[in-house]
Protein backbone atom coordinates (compact mmCIF):
# COMPACT_ATOMS: atom_id res chain seq x y z
CA MET A 1 20.11 14.40 17.21
CA SER A 2 17.39 13.34 14.75
CA SER A 3 15.04 10.49 13.99
CA THR A 4 14.83 8.17 11.01
CA VAL A 5 11.71 6.50 9.66
CA PHE A 6 11.96 2.84 10.63
CA GLY A 7 8.64 1.82 9.17
CA VAL A 8 5.02 2.56 8.54
CA SER A 9 2.31 0.96 10.68
CA TYR A 10 -0.93 -0.03 9.05
CA ASP A 11 -4.19 -0.96 10.81
CA ALA A 12 -6.05 -3.81 9.13
CA ALA A 13 -9.03 -6.12 9.50
CA ASP A 14 -6.74 -8.99 8.41
CA ALA A 15 -3.02 -8.21 8.64
CA LYS A 16 -1.93 -11.08 6.39
CA VAL A 17 -4.39 -10.18 3.61
CA ALA A 18 -3.37 -6.50 3.70
CA ALA A 19 0.34 -7.40 3.79
CA SER A 20 -0.06 -9.80 0.87
CA PHE A 21 -1.62 -7.06 -1.29
CA TRP A 22 1.09 -4.52 -0.47
CA ALA A 23 3.92 -7.04 -0.83
CA ALA A 24 2.69 -7.88 -4.34
CA ALA A 25 2.06 -4.23 -5.23
CA LEU A 26 5.59 -3.25 -4.17
CA SER A 27 7.37 -6.41 -5.43
CA ARG A 28 8.31 -7.41 -1.90
CA SER A 29 7.52 -10.43 0.23
CA VAL A 30 5.60 -10.97 3.43
CA GLY A 31 7.83 -11.87 6.37
CA ASP A 32 7.74 -15.28 8.04
CA GLY A 33 5.09 -15.85 10.68
CA ALA A 34 2.45 -13.58 9.15
CA ASP A 35 -1.09 -14.22 10.31
CA ALA A 36 -4.42 -12.37 10.55
CA TYR A 37 -3.16 -10.44 13.60
CA SER A 38 0.34 -9.36 12.58
CA ALA A 39 2.41 -9.25 9.40
CA VAL A 40 5.45 -7.38 8.12
CA VAL A 41 6.61 -6.46 4.62
CA GLU A 42 10.33 -5.71 4.59
CA PRO A 43 12.13 -3.97 1.74
CA ALA A 44 14.67 -6.13 -0.10
CA ASP A 45 16.90 -3.05 -0.11
CA PRO A 46 16.54 -0.23 2.46
CA ALA A 47 16.79 2.29 -0.41
CA SER A 48 13.42 1.02 -1.69
CA GLY A 49 11.58 2.36 1.35
CA PRO A 50 10.72 1.52 4.93
CA ARG A 51 9.30 -1.69 6.35
CA ILE A 52 5.52 -1.84 6.57
CA GLY A 53 3.97 -3.41 9.64
CA PHE A 54 0.35 -4.57 9.64
CA ARG A 55 -1.66 -5.05 12.83
CA ARG A 56 -5.20 -6.28 13.21
CA VAL A 57 -7.58 -3.79 14.81
CA PRO A 58 -11.19 -4.49 15.82
CA GLU A 59 -12.81 -1.42 14.23
CA PRO A 60 -13.44 -1.10 10.47
CA LYS A 61 -12.13 1.76 8.36
CA THR A 62 -14.76 4.52 8.39
CA VAL A 63 -13.18 7.69 6.95
CA LYS A 64 -10.56 8.81 4.43
CA ASN A 65 -6.93 8.01 5.27
CA ARG A 66 -4.97 10.81 6.91
CA MET A 67 -1.82 9.45 5.24
CA HIS A 68 -1.41 7.38 2.09
CA PHE A 69 1.20 5.95 -0.25
CA ASP A 70 2.05 7.72 -3.52
CA LEU A 71 3.41 5.21 -6.02
CA ILE A 72 4.91 6.23 -9.36
CA THR A 73 5.34 4.24 -12.57
CA ALA A 74 6.59 4.77 -16.11
CA ASP A 75 4.09 2.21 -17.49
CA PHE A 76 0.88 3.69 -16.12
CA PRO A 77 -1.77 1.64 -18.03
CA SER A 78 -0.09 -1.69 -17.29
CA GLU A 79 0.48 -0.86 -13.63
CA VAL A 80 -3.14 0.22 -13.14
CA GLU A 81 -4.28 -3.11 -14.60
CA ARG A 82 -1.79 -5.05 -12.44
CA LEU A 83 -3.04 -3.33 -9.29
CA PHE A 84 -6.66 -4.05 -10.30
CA ALA A 85 -5.73 -7.73 -10.69
CA LEU A 86 -4.30 -7.67 -7.15
CA GLY A 87 -7.61 -6.36 -5.80
CA ALA A 88 -7.34 -2.56 -6.01
CA THR A 89 -10.36 -0.49 -7.01
CA LYS A 90 -10.46 2.90 -8.73
CA LEU A 91 -11.80 5.86 -6.73
CA ASN A 92 -10.78 8.88 -8.83
CA GLU A 93 -8.56 10.00 -11.70
CA VAL A 94 -6.91 13.39 -12.15
CA ARG A 95 -5.44 14.91 -15.32
CA ASP A 96 -4.37 18.43 -14.44
CA GLY A 97 -0.79 18.89 -15.60
CA ALA A 98 0.10 15.73 -13.71
CA HIS A 99 -1.80 12.47 -14.14
CA TRP A 100 -2.65 10.13 -11.29
CA VAL A 101 -5.34 7.74 -10.19
CA THR A 102 -6.55 7.30 -6.62
CA LEU A 103 -7.09 3.64 -5.84
CA ALA A 104 -8.21 1.67 -2.79
CA ASP A 105 -6.55 -1.51 -1.59
CA PRO A 106 -8.74 -4.53 -0.73
CA GLU A 107 -9.49 -3.05 2.73
CA GLY A 108 -10.52 0.33 1.27
CA ASN A 109 -7.38 2.29 2.14
CA GLU A 110 -6.60 4.94 -0.46
CA PHE A 111 -3.35 5.34 -2.35
CA ASP A 112 -2.29 7.18 -5.50
CA LEU A 113 -0.56 5.87 -8.60
CA ILE A 114 1.23 8.65 -10.49
CA GLU A 115 2.20 8.50 -14.16
CA GLY A 116 5.86 9.38 -14.32
């Protein structure tokens, strides 16, 4: 017997705002009924990754994420600019064999974009 990843749960100050950013970043859509308390981003195709559920929590983010998304793109400069336009901010950039940038979503949660 084994388990399968059904989804990723994400704490947010505003579930709909966080879901809207990630839906746009991943070329997905926010599920029906999304509001500030609860929202879901489903993959169009299960091969493109798990569902992402967003739930409002009362406390703000205070420390670095213990888990984060690693995104990869072949058009690194354009994708960085697109994510900036969606509300991401740059935290760090690494060029050490591999090249990636650590970004924060509009709620300050870190994620990496890898050139690939």
